[in-house]
Amino acid sequence: MYHLCGSLEGAAGQVLEGLPTNAKTMDIIQLLQTRFGTKLQAERFKAELLAQWRQPDETLQHLYREISRLVSLAYPSKDTDFTDHVGKEAFIRALDNGIYS
């Protein structure tokens, strides 16, 4: 536990502030997972995915990579068929932003 606490820097180290003195290693790990893990942030990534639009100078490859990244973060434990479908829908929606119409 002391090695873990001594190794945390930056934003991860700030997690230790306000931690009770009797905290255990699992308490720190759970706090880190809550703050930095994708499990509780999936809703945020879903919202980002819905708000994703192709910018005027953005390449299709960059848009594809960004949507793929957001899909994997928003749905980390879903099967490939589901994530492929969600990704295709998001890609098509991102193209239809009125800029190129």
PDB file of N, CA and C in Angstrom:
ATOM      1  N   MET A   1       0.816  -1.185   0.000  1.00  0.00           N
ATOM      2  CA  MET A   1       0.000   0.000   0.000  1.00  0.00           C
ATOM      3  C   MET A   1       0.864   1.256   0.000  1.00  0.00           C
ATOM      4  N   TYR A   2       1.944   1.256   0.779  1.00  0.00           N
ATOM      5  CA  TYR A   2       2.805   2.428   0.849  1.00  0.00           C
ATOM      6  C   TYR A   2       3.518   2.659  -0.473  1.00  0.00           C
ATOM      7  N   HIS A   3       3.901   1.583  -1.125  1.00  0.00           N
ATOM      8  CA  HIS A   3       4.540   1.709  -2.443  1.00  0.00           C
ATOM      9  C   HIS A   3       3.550   2.298  -3.446  1.00  0.00           C
ATOM     10  N   LEU A   4       2.302   1.836  -3.422  1.00  0.00           N
ATOM     11  CA  LEU A   4       1.273   2.370  -4.317  1.00  0.00           C
ATOM     12  C   LEU A   4       1.079   3.862  -4.063  1.00  0.00           C
ATOM     13  N   CYS A   5       0.919   4.247  -2.822  1.00  0.00           N
ATOM     14  CA  CYS A   5       0.702   5.659  -2.491  1.00  0.00           C
ATOM     15  C   CYS A   5       1.905   6.511  -2.893  1.00  0.00           C
ATOM     16  N   GLY A   6       3.091   5.991  -2.700  1.00  0.00           N
ATOM     17  CA  GLY A   6       4.298   6.728  -3.066  1.00  0.00           C
ATOM     18  C   GLY A   6       4.500   6.835  -4.558  1.00  0.00           C
ATOM     19  N   SER A   7       3.881   5.957  -5.322  1.00  0.00           N
ATOM     20  CA  SER A   7       4.049   5.951  -6.768  1.00  0.00           C
ATOM     21  C   SER A   7       3.068   6.860  -7.496  1.00  0.00           C
ATOM     22  N   LEU A   8       1.996   7.245  -6.850  1.00  0.00           N
ATOM     23  CA  LEU A   8       0.975   8.058  -7.503  1.00  0.00           C
ATOM     24  C   LEU A   8       1.445   9.501  -7.632  1.00  0.00           C
ATOM     25  N   GLU A   9       1.274  10.044  -8.843  1.00  0.00           N
ATOM     26  CA  GLU A   9       1.681  11.421  -9.112  1.00  0.00           C
ATOM     27  C   GLU A   9       0.548  12.156  -9.809  1.00  0.00           C
ATOM     28  N   GLY A  10       0.624  13.467  -9.822  1.00  0.00           N
ATOM     29  CA  GLY A  10      -0.338  14.282 -10.568  1.00  0.00           C
ATOM     30  C   GLY A  10      -1.759  14.075 -10.080  1.00  0.00           C
ATOM     31  N   ALA A  11      -2.674  13.945 -11.051  1.00  0.00           N
ATOM     32  CA  ALA A  11      -4.094  13.778 -10.728  1.00  0.00           C
ATOM     33  C   ALA A  11      -4.341  12.509  -9.922  1.00  0.00           C
ATOM     34  N   ALA A  12      -3.570  11.458 -10.207  1.00  0.00           N
ATOM     35  CA  ALA A  12      -3.736  10.210  -9.452  1.00  0.00           C
ATOM     36  C   ALA A  12      -3.314  10.403  -7.997  1.00  0.00           C
ATOM     37  N   GLY A  13      -2.297  11.191  -7.761  1.00  0.00           N
ATOM     38  CA  GLY A  13      -1.859  11.461  -6.398  1.00  0.00           C
ATOM     39  C   GLY A  13      -2.865  12.287  -5.617  1.00  0.00           C
ATOM     40  N   GLN A  14      -3.618  13.138  -6.319  1.00  0.00           N
ATOM     41  CA  GLN A  14      -4.625  13.958  -5.655  1.00  0.00           C
ATOM     42  C   GLN A  14      -5.769  13.120  -5.095  1.00  0.00           C
ATOM     43  N   VAL A  15      -5.935  11.919  -5.605  1.00  0.00           N
ATOM     44  CA  VAL A  15      -6.974  11.014  -5.109  1.00  0.00           C
ATOM     45  C   VAL A  15      -6.731  10.703  -3.635  1.00  0.00           C
ATOM     46  N   LEU A  16      -5.479  10.737  -3.217  1.00  0.00           N
ATOM     47  CA  LEU A  16      -5.141  10.397  -1.837  1.00  0.00           C
ATOM     48  C   LEU A  16      -5.560  11.477  -0.845  1.00  0.00           C
ATOM     49  N   GLU A  17      -5.758  12.710  -1.335  1.00  0.00           N
ATOM     50  CA  GLU A  17      -6.155  13.794  -0.440  1.00  0.00           C
ATOM     51  C   GLU A  17      -7.539  13.499   0.136  1.00  0.00           C
ATOM     52  N   GLY A  18      -7.672  13.645   1.400  1.00  0.00           N
ATOM     53  CA  GLY A  18      -8.951  13.413   2.051  1.00  0.00           C
ATOM     54  C   GLY A  18      -9.255  11.947   2.306  1.00  0.00           C
ATOM     55  N   LEU A  19      -8.334  11.080   1.976  1.00  0.00           N
ATOM     56  CA  LEU A  19      -8.522   9.647   2.218  1.00  0.00           C
ATOM     57  C   LEU A  19      -8.363   9.382   3.714  1.00  0.00           C
ATOM     58  N   PRO A  20      -9.243   8.588   4.300  1.00  0.00           N
ATOM     59  CA  PRO A  20      -9.111   8.297   5.744  1.00  0.00           C
ATOM     60  C   PRO A  20      -7.776   7.632   6.060  1.00  0.00           C
ATOM     61  N   THR A  21      -7.277   7.861   7.243  1.00  0.00           N
ATOM     62  CA  THR A  21      -5.980   7.299   7.635  1.00  0.00           C
ATOM     63  C   THR A  21      -6.014   5.781   7.746  1.00  0.00           C
ATOM     64  N   ASN A  22      -7.202   5.214   7.935  1.00  0.00           N
ATOM     65  CA  ASN A  22      -7.299   3.759   8.051  1.00  0.00           C
ATOM     66  C   ASN A  22      -7.661   3.093   6.720  1.00  0.00           C
ATOM     67  N   ALA A  23      -7.471   3.801   5.610  1.00  0.00           N
ATOM     68  CA  ALA A  23      -7.808   3.258   4.289  1.00  0.00           C
ATOM     69  C   ALA A  23      -6.912   2.066   3.954  1.00  0.00           C
ATOM     70  N   LYS A  24      -7.482   1.124   3.271  1.00  0.00           N
ATOM     71  CA  LYS A  24      -6.763  -0.084   2.840  1.00  0.00           C
ATOM     72  C   LYS A  24      -6.395   0.045   1.359  1.00  0.00           C
ATOM     73  N   THR A  25      -5.563  -0.842   0.896  1.00  0.00           N
ATOM     74  CA  THR A  25      -5.136  -0.838  -0.502  1.00  0.00           C
ATOM     75  C   THR A  25      -6.332  -0.930  -1.441  1.00  0.00           C
ATOM     76  N   MET A  26      -7.302  -1.780  -1.137  1.00  0.00           N
ATOM     77  CA  MET A  26      -8.485  -1.925  -1.996  1.00  0.00           C
ATOM     78  C   MET A  26      -9.302  -0.642  -2.038  1.00  0.00           C
ATOM     79  N   ASP A  27      -9.313   0.129  -0.954  1.00  0.00           N
ATOM     80  CA  ASP A  27     -10.015   1.416  -0.948  1.00  0.00           C
ATOM     81  C   ASP A  27      -9.395   2.365  -1.969  1.00  0.00           C
ATOM     82  N   ILE A  28      -8.081   2.387  -1.991  1.00  0.00           N
ATOM     83  CA  ILE A  28      -7.366   3.258  -2.937  1.00  0.00           C
ATOM     84  C   ILE A  28      -7.592   2.789  -4.369  1.00  0.00           C
ATOM     85  N   ILE A  29      -7.534   1.493  -4.592  1.00  0.00           N
ATOM     86  CA  ILE A  29      -7.748   0.947  -5.939  1.00  0.00           C
ATOM     87  C   ILE A  29      -9.158   1.259  -6.420  1.00  0.00           C
ATOM     88  N   GLN A  30     -10.146   1.094  -5.556  1.00  0.00           N
ATOM     89  CA  GLN A  30     -11.528   1.410  -5.945  1.00  0.00           C
ATOM     90  C   GLN A  30     -11.697   2.893  -6.241  1.00  0.00           C
ATOM     91  N   LEU A  31     -11.054   3.733  -5.482  1.00  0.00           N
ATOM     92  CA  LEU A  31     -11.114   5.170  -5.708  1.00  0.00           C
ATOM     93  C   LEU A  31     -10.478   5.537  -7.047  1.00  0.00           C
ATOM     94  N   LEU A  32      -9.356   4.910  -7.362  1.00  0.00           N
ATOM     95  CA  LEU A  32      -8.694   5.149  -8.645  1.00  0.00           C
ATOM     96  C   LEU A  32      -9.546   4.652  -9.812  1.00  0.00           C
ATOM     97  N   GLN A  33     -10.175   3.494  -9.646  1.00  0.00           N
ATOM     98  CA  GLN A  33     -11.044   2.970 -10.703  1.00  0.00           C
ATOM     99  C   GLN A  33     -12.247   3.871 -10.922  1.00  0.00           C
ATOM    100  N   THR A  34     -12.795   4.406  -9.834  1.00  0.00           N
ATOM    101  CA  THR A  34     -13.935   5.310  -9.960  1.00  0.00           C
ATOM    102  C   THR A  34     -13.531   6.591 -10.685  1.00  0.00           C
ATOM    103  N   ARG A  35     -12.368   7.100 -10.353  1.00  0.00           N
ATOM    104  CA  ARG A  35     -11.929   8.375 -10.926  1.00  0.00           C
ATOM    105  C   ARG A  35     -11.412   8.237 -12.346  1.00  0.00           C
ATOM    106  N   PHE A  36     -10.663   7.164 -12.646  1.00  0.00           N
ATOM    107  CA  PHE A  36      -9.988   7.063 -13.931  1.00  0.00           C
ATOM    108  C   PHE A  36     -10.461   5.903 -14.797  1.00  0.00           C
ATOM    109  N   GLY A  37     -11.219   4.979 -14.229  1.00  0.00           N
ATOM    110  CA  GLY A  37     -11.693   3.828 -14.986  1.00  0.00           C
ATOM    111  C   GLY A  37     -12.812   4.208 -15.932  1.00  0.00           C
ATOM    112  N   THR A  38     -13.059   3.374 -16.920  1.00  0.00           N
ATOM    113  CA  THR A  38     -14.095   3.674 -17.911  1.00  0.00           C
ATOM    114  C   THR A  38     -15.474   3.174 -17.495  1.00  0.00           C
ATOM    115  N   LYS A  39     -15.551   2.342 -16.470  1.00  0.00           N
ATOM    116  CA  LYS A  39     -16.838   1.765 -16.083  1.00  0.00           C
ATOM    117  C   LYS A  39     -17.867   2.850 -15.763  1.00  0.00           C
ATOM    118  N   LEU A  40     -17.505   3.793 -14.932  1.00  0.00           N
ATOM    119  CA  LEU A  40     -18.441   4.841 -14.550  1.00  0.00           C
ATOM    120  C   LEU A  40     -18.449   6.012 -15.529  1.00  0.00           C
ATOM    121  N   GLN A  41     -17.520   6.017 -16.464  1.00  0.00           N
ATOM    122  CA  GLN A  41     -17.458   7.099 -17.433  1.00  0.00           C
ATOM    123  C   GLN A  41     -18.102   6.720 -18.757  1.00  0.00           C
ATOM    124  N   ALA A  42     -18.687   5.546 -18.845  1.00  0.00           N
ATOM    125  CA  ALA A  42     -19.279   5.085 -20.098  1.00  0.00           C
ATOM    126  C   ALA A  42     -20.357   6.044 -20.594  1.00  0.00           C
ATOM    127  N   GLU A  43     -21.151   6.584 -19.692  1.00  0.00           N
ATOM    128  CA  GLU A  43     -22.202   7.516 -20.092  1.00  0.00           C
ATOM    129  C   GLU A  43     -21.621   8.769 -20.734  1.00  0.00           C
ATOM    130  N   ARG A  44     -20.510   9.226 -20.211  1.00  0.00           N
ATOM    131  CA  ARG A  44     -19.850  10.405 -20.780  1.00  0.00           C
ATOM    132  C   ARG A  44     -19.371  10.114 -22.193  1.00  0.00           C
ATOM    133  N   PHE A  45     -18.783   8.924 -22.397  1.00  0.00           N
ATOM    134  CA  PHE A  45     -18.295   8.565 -23.724  1.00  0.00           C
ATOM    135  C   PHE A  45     -19.454   8.352 -24.698  1.00  0.00           C
ATOM    136  N   LYS A  46     -20.582   7.852 -24.207  1.00  0.00           N
ATOM    137  CA  LYS A  46     -21.771   7.705 -25.063  1.00  0.00           C
ATOM    138  C   LYS A  46     -22.250   9.076 -25.523  1.00  0.00           C
ATOM    139  N   ALA A  47     -22.258  10.039 -24.608  1.00  0.00           N
ATOM    140  CA  ALA A  47     -22.672  11.398 -24.970  1.00  0.00           C
ATOM    141  C   ALA A  47     -21.699  12.022 -25.969  1.00  0.00           C
ATOM    142  N   GLU A  48     -20.409  11.802 -25.781  1.00  0.00           N
ATOM    143  CA  GLU A  48     -19.419  12.305 -26.737  1.00  0.00           C
ATOM    144  C   GLU A  48     -19.620  11.670 -28.105  1.00  0.00           C
ATOM    145  N   LEU A  49     -19.954  10.400 -28.120  1.00  0.00           N
ATOM    146  CA  LEU A  49     -20.190   9.694 -29.374  1.00  0.00           C
ATOM    147  C   LEU A  49     -21.382  10.291 -30.113  1.00  0.00           C
ATOM    148  N   LEU A  50     -22.444  10.590 -29.388  1.00  0.00           N
ATOM    149  CA  LEU A  50     -23.630  11.197 -30.003  1.00  0.00           C
ATOM    150  C   LEU A  50     -23.349  12.613 -30.513  1.00  0.00           C
ATOM    151  N   ALA A  51     -22.415  13.302 -29.875  1.00  0.00           N
ATOM    152  CA  ALA A  51     -22.105  14.681 -30.254  1.00  0.00           C
ATOM    153  C   ALA A  51     -21.000  14.773 -31.302  1.00  0.00           C
ATOM    154  N   GLN A  52     -20.472  13.650 -31.729  1.00  0.00           N
ATOM    155  CA  GLN A  52     -19.349  13.640 -32.676  1.00  0.00           C
ATOM    156  C   GLN A  52     -19.813  14.044 -34.071  1.00  0.00           C
ATOM    157  N   TRP A  53     -19.190  15.079 -34.630  1.00  0.00           N
ATOM    158  CA  TRP A  53     -19.477  15.528 -35.989  1.00  0.00           C
ATOM    159  C   TRP A  53     -18.178  15.658 -36.757  1.00  0.00           C
ATOM    160  N   ARG A  54     -18.234  15.454 -38.047  1.00  0.00           N
ATOM    161  CA  ARG A  54     -17.054  15.630 -38.881  1.00  0.00           C
ATOM    162  C   ARG A  54     -16.797  17.123 -39.063  1.00  0.00           C
ATOM    163  N   GLN A  55     -15.582  17.525 -38.770  1.00  0.00           N
ATOM    164  CA  GLN A  55     -15.186  18.917 -38.924  1.00  0.00           C
ATOM    165  C   GLN A  55     -14.849  19.194 -40.393  1.00  0.00           C
ATOM    166  N   PRO A  56     -14.919  20.452 -40.830  1.00  0.00           N
ATOM    167  CA  PRO A  56     -14.697  20.763 -42.250  1.00  0.00           C
ATOM    168  C   PRO A  56     -13.376  20.250 -42.810  1.00  0.00           C
ATOM    169  N   ASP A  57     -12.305  20.269 -42.029  1.00  0.00           N
ATOM    170  CA  ASP A  57     -11.001  19.821 -42.535  1.00  0.00           C
ATOM    171  C   ASP A  57     -10.600  18.430 -42.027  1.00  0.00           C
ATOM    172  N   GLU A  58     -11.513  17.729 -41.401  1.00  0.00           N
ATOM    173  CA  GLU A  58     -11.216  16.417 -40.817  1.00  0.00           C
ATOM    174  C   GLU A  58     -11.276  15.321 -41.877  1.00  0.00           C
ATOM    175  N   THR A  59     -10.278  14.461 -41.887  1.00  0.00           N
ATOM    176  CA  THR A  59     -10.272  13.346 -42.829  1.00  0.00           C
ATOM    177  C   THR A  59     -11.220  12.253 -42.345  1.00  0.00           C
ATOM    178  N   LEU A  60     -11.652  11.428 -43.281  1.00  0.00           N
ATOM    179  CA  LEU A  60     -12.514  10.301 -42.918  1.00  0.00           C
ATOM    180  C   LEU A  60     -11.782   9.332 -41.999  1.00  0.00           C
ATOM    181  N   GLN A  61     -10.489   9.157 -42.215  1.00  0.00           N
ATOM    182  CA  GLN A  61      -9.695   8.259 -41.373  1.00  0.00           C
ATOM    183  C   GLN A  61      -9.655   8.752 -39.932  1.00  0.00           C
ATOM    184  N   HIS A  62      -9.477  10.062 -39.751  1.00  0.00           N
ATOM    185  CA  HIS A  62      -9.438  10.606 -38.391  1.00  0.00           C
ATOM    186  C   HIS A  62     -10.799  10.452 -37.714  1.00  0.00           C
ATOM    187  N   LEU A  63     -11.861  10.744 -38.444  1.00  0.00           N
ATOM    188  CA  LEU A  63     -13.213  10.579 -37.900  1.00  0.00           C
ATOM    189  C   LEU A  63     -13.458   9.129 -37.504  1.00  0.00           C
ATOM    190  N   TYR A  64     -13.055   8.194 -38.360  1.00  0.00           N
ATOM    191  CA  TYR A  64     -13.221   6.760 -38.070  1.00  0.00           C
ATOM    192  C   TYR A  64     -12.474   6.376 -36.791  1.00  0.00           C
ATOM    193  N   ARG A  65     -11.228   6.818 -36.672  1.00  0.00           N
ATOM    194  CA  ARG A  65     -10.430   6.482 -35.483  1.00  0.00           C
ATOM    195  C   ARG A  65     -11.058   7.052 -34.211  1.00  0.00           C
ATOM    196  N   GLU A  66     -11.553   8.286 -34.290  1.00  0.00           N
ATOM    197  CA  GLU A  66     -12.159   8.910 -33.117  1.00  0.00           C
ATOM    198  C   GLU A  66     -13.443   8.187 -32.706  1.00  0.00           C
ATOM    199  N   ILE A  67     -14.254   7.841 -33.678  1.00  0.00           N
ATOM    200  CA  ILE A  67     -15.490   7.116 -33.376  1.00  0.00           C
ATOM    201  C   ILE A  67     -15.166   5.729 -32.833  1.00  0.00           C
ATOM    202  N   SER A  68     -14.200   5.057 -33.396  1.00  0.00           N
ATOM    203  CA  SER A  68     -13.795   3.734 -32.886  1.00  0.00           C
ATOM    204  C   SER A  68     -13.321   3.824 -31.445  1.00  0.00           C
ATOM    205  N   ARG A  69     -12.550   4.861 -31.134  1.00  0.00           N
ATOM    206  CA  ARG A  69     -12.056   5.057 -29.772  1.00  0.00           C
ATOM    207  C   ARG A  69     -13.225   5.269 -28.812  1.00  0.00           C
ATOM    208  N   LEU A  70     -14.164   6.138 -29.192  1.00  0.00           N
ATOM    209  CA  LEU A  70     -15.293   6.422 -28.323  1.00  0.00           C
ATOM    210  C   LEU A  70     -16.207   5.212 -28.141  1.00  0.00           C
ATOM    211  N   VAL A  71     -16.404   4.430 -29.202  1.00  0.00           N
ATOM    212  CA  VAL A  71     -17.229   3.220 -29.093  1.00  0.00           C
ATOM    213  C   VAL A  71     -16.592   2.234 -28.118  1.00  0.00           C
ATOM    214  N   SER A  72     -15.283   2.047 -28.219  1.00  0.00           N
ATOM    215  CA  SER A  72     -14.628   1.083 -27.320  1.00  0.00           C
ATOM    216  C   SER A  72     -14.656   1.551 -25.866  1.00  0.00           C
ATOM    217  N   LEU A  73     -14.631   2.864 -25.642  1.00  0.00           N
ATOM    218  CA  LEU A  73     -14.711   3.380 -24.280  1.00  0.00           C
ATOM    219  C   LEU A  73     -16.140   3.382 -23.749  1.00  0.00           C
ATOM    220  N   ALA A  74     -17.107   3.619 -24.618  1.00  0.00           N
ATOM    221  CA  ALA A  74     -18.504   3.677 -24.199  1.00  0.00           C
ATOM    222  C   ALA A  74     -19.095   2.291 -23.961  1.00  0.00           C
ATOM    223  N   TYR A  75     -18.605   1.301 -24.703  1.00  0.00           N
ATOM    224  CA  TYR A  75     -19.142  -0.064 -24.615  1.00  0.00           C
ATOM    225  C   TYR A  75     -17.988  -1.066 -24.465  1.00  0.00           C
ATOM    226  N   PRO A  76     -17.264  -1.023 -23.350  1.00  0.00           N
ATOM    227  CA  PRO A  76     -16.058  -1.855 -23.218  1.00  0.00           C
ATOM    228  C   PRO A  76     -16.311  -3.360 -23.181  1.00  0.00           C
ATOM    229  N   SER A  77     -17.492  -3.792 -22.760  1.00  0.00           N
ATOM    230  CA  SER A  77     -17.700  -5.237 -22.616  1.00  0.00           C
ATOM    231  C   SER A  77     -18.735  -5.784 -23.591  1.00  0.00           C
ATOM    232  N   LYS A  78     -19.123  -5.009 -24.576  1.00  0.00           N
ATOM    233  CA  LYS A  78     -20.122  -5.478 -25.543  1.00  0.00           C
ATOM    234  C   LYS A  78     -19.454  -6.291 -26.646  1.00  0.00           C
ATOM    235  N   ASP A  79     -20.265  -7.124 -27.325  1.00  0.00           N
ATOM    236  CA  ASP A  79     -19.716  -7.958 -28.392  1.00  0.00           C
ATOM    237  C   ASP A  79     -19.475  -7.137 -29.659  1.00  0.00           C
ATOM    238  N   THR A  80     -18.723  -7.713 -30.571  1.00  0.00           N
ATOM    239  CA  THR A  80     -18.293  -7.032 -31.786  1.00  0.00           C
ATOM    240  C   THR A  80     -19.458  -6.648 -32.685  1.00  0.00           C
ATOM    241  N   ASP A  81     -20.452  -7.489 -32.815  1.00  0.00           N
ATOM    242  CA  ASP A  81     -21.605  -7.156 -33.659  1.00  0.00           C
ATOM    243  C   ASP A  81     -22.285  -5.885 -33.170  1.00  0.00           C
ATOM    244  N   PHE A  82     -22.462  -5.779 -31.876  1.00  0.00           N
ATOM    245  CA  PHE A  82     -23.109  -4.602 -31.304  1.00  0.00           C
ATOM    246  C   PHE A  82     -22.264  -3.351 -31.521  1.00  0.00           C
ATOM    247  N   THR A  83     -20.976  -3.417 -31.187  1.00  0.00           N
ATOM    248  CA  THR A  83     -20.124  -2.236 -31.317  1.00  0.00           C
ATOM    249  C   THR A  83     -19.930  -1.834 -32.777  1.00  0.00           C
ATOM    250  N   ASP A  84     -19.888  -2.812 -33.682  1.00  0.00           N
ATOM    251  CA  ASP A  84     -19.809  -2.484 -35.113  1.00  0.00           C
ATOM    252  C   ASP A  84     -21.043  -1.709 -35.551  1.00  0.00           C
ATOM    253  N   HIS A  85     -22.211  -2.152 -35.105  1.00  0.00           N
ATOM    254  CA  HIS A  85     -23.460  -1.473 -35.455  1.00  0.00           C
ATOM    255  C   HIS A  85     -23.481  -0.046 -34.906  1.00  0.00           C
ATOM    256  N   VAL A  86     -23.125   0.107 -33.639  1.00  0.00           N
ATOM    257  CA  VAL A  86     -23.113   1.424 -33.014  1.00  0.00           C
ATOM    258  C   VAL A  86     -22.111   2.334 -33.723  1.00  0.00           C
ATOM    259  N   GLY A  87     -20.946   1.792 -34.042  1.00  0.00           N
ATOM    260  CA  GLY A  87     -19.921   2.574 -34.729  1.00  0.00           C
ATOM    261  C   GLY A  87     -20.361   3.029 -36.108  1.00  0.00           C
ATOM    262  N   LYS A  88     -21.004   2.141 -36.867  1.00  0.00           N
ATOM    263  CA  LYS A  88     -21.495   2.513 -38.200  1.00  0.00           C
ATOM    264  C   LYS A  88     -22.549   3.606 -38.107  1.00  0.00           C
ATOM    265  N   GLU A  89     -23.479   3.462 -37.175  1.00  0.00           N
ATOM    266  CA  GLU A  89     -24.520   4.476 -37.001  1.00  0.00           C
ATOM    267  C   GLU A  89     -23.916   5.827 -36.615  1.00  0.00           C
ATOM    268  N   ALA A  90     -22.944   5.810 -35.720  1.00  0.00           N
ATOM    269  CA  ALA A  90     -22.301   7.053 -35.283  1.00  0.00           C
ATOM    270  C   ALA A  90     -21.517   7.686 -36.428  1.00  0.00           C
ATOM    271  N   PHE A  91     -20.870   6.871 -37.249  1.00  0.00           N
ATOM    272  CA  PHE A  91     -20.092   7.384 -38.376  1.00  0.00           C
ATOM    273  C   PHE A  91     -21.006   8.060 -39.392  1.00  0.00           C
ATOM    274  N   ILE A  92     -22.101   7.398 -39.722  1.00  0.00           N
ATOM    275  CA  ILE A  92     -23.057   7.967 -40.684  1.00  0.00           C
ATOM    276  C   ILE A  92     -23.646   9.269 -40.140  1.00  0.00           C
ATOM    277  N   ARG A  93     -24.003   9.269 -38.854  1.00  0.00           N
ATOM    278  CA  ARG A  93     -24.560  10.461 -38.230  1.00  0.00           C
ATOM    279  C   ARG A  93     -23.539  11.603 -38.231  1.00  0.00           C
ATOM    280  N   ALA A  94     -22.275  11.279 -37.999  1.00  0.00           N
ATOM    281  CA  ALA A  94     -21.222  12.299 -37.952  1.00  0.00           C
ATOM    282  C   ALA A  94     -20.992  12.933 -39.320  1.00  0.00           C
ATOM    283  N   LEU A  95     -21.273  12.178 -40.379  1.00  0.00           N
ATOM    284  CA  LEU A  95     -21.108  12.729 -41.728  1.00  0.00           C
ATOM    285  C   LEU A  95     -22.231  13.703 -42.079  1.00  0.00           C
ATOM    286  N   ASP A  96     -23.379  13.513 -41.502  1.00  0.00           N
ATOM    287  CA  ASP A  96     -24.575  14.299 -41.833  1.00  0.00           C
ATOM    288  C   ASP A  96     -24.688  15.507 -40.905  1.00  0.00           C
ATOM    289  N   ASN A  97     -23.687  16.390 -40.963  1.00  0.00           N
ATOM    290  CA  ASN A  97     -23.712  17.549 -40.077  1.00  0.00           C
ATOM    291  C   ASN A  97     -24.062  18.837 -40.806  1.00  0.00           C
ATOM    292  N   GLY A  98     -24.469  18.751 -42.058  1.00  0.00           N
ATOM    293  CA  GLY A  98     -24.903  19.928 -42.792  1.00  0.00           C
ATOM    294  C   GLY A  98     -23.782  20.708 -43.460  1.00  0.00           C
ATOM    295  N   ILE A  99     -22.549  20.438 -43.116  1.00  0.00           N
ATOM    296  CA  ILE A  99     -21.422  21.170 -43.691  1.00  0.00           C
ATOM    297  C   ILE A  99     -21.226  20.811 -45.159  1.00  0.00           C
ATOM    298  N   TYR A 100     -21.388  19.529 -45.480  1.00  0.00           N
ATOM    299  CA  TYR A 100     -21.101  19.070 -46.833  1.00  0.00           C
ATOM    300  C   TYR A 100     -22.351  18.926 -47.690  1.00  0.00           C
ATOM    301  N   SER A 101     -23.519  19.272 -47.167  1.00  0.00           N
ATOM    302  CA  SER A 101     -24.770  19.117 -47.900  1.00  0.00           C
ATOM    303  C   SER A 101     -24.935  20.214 -48.927  1.00  0.00           C
TER     304      SER A 101
END
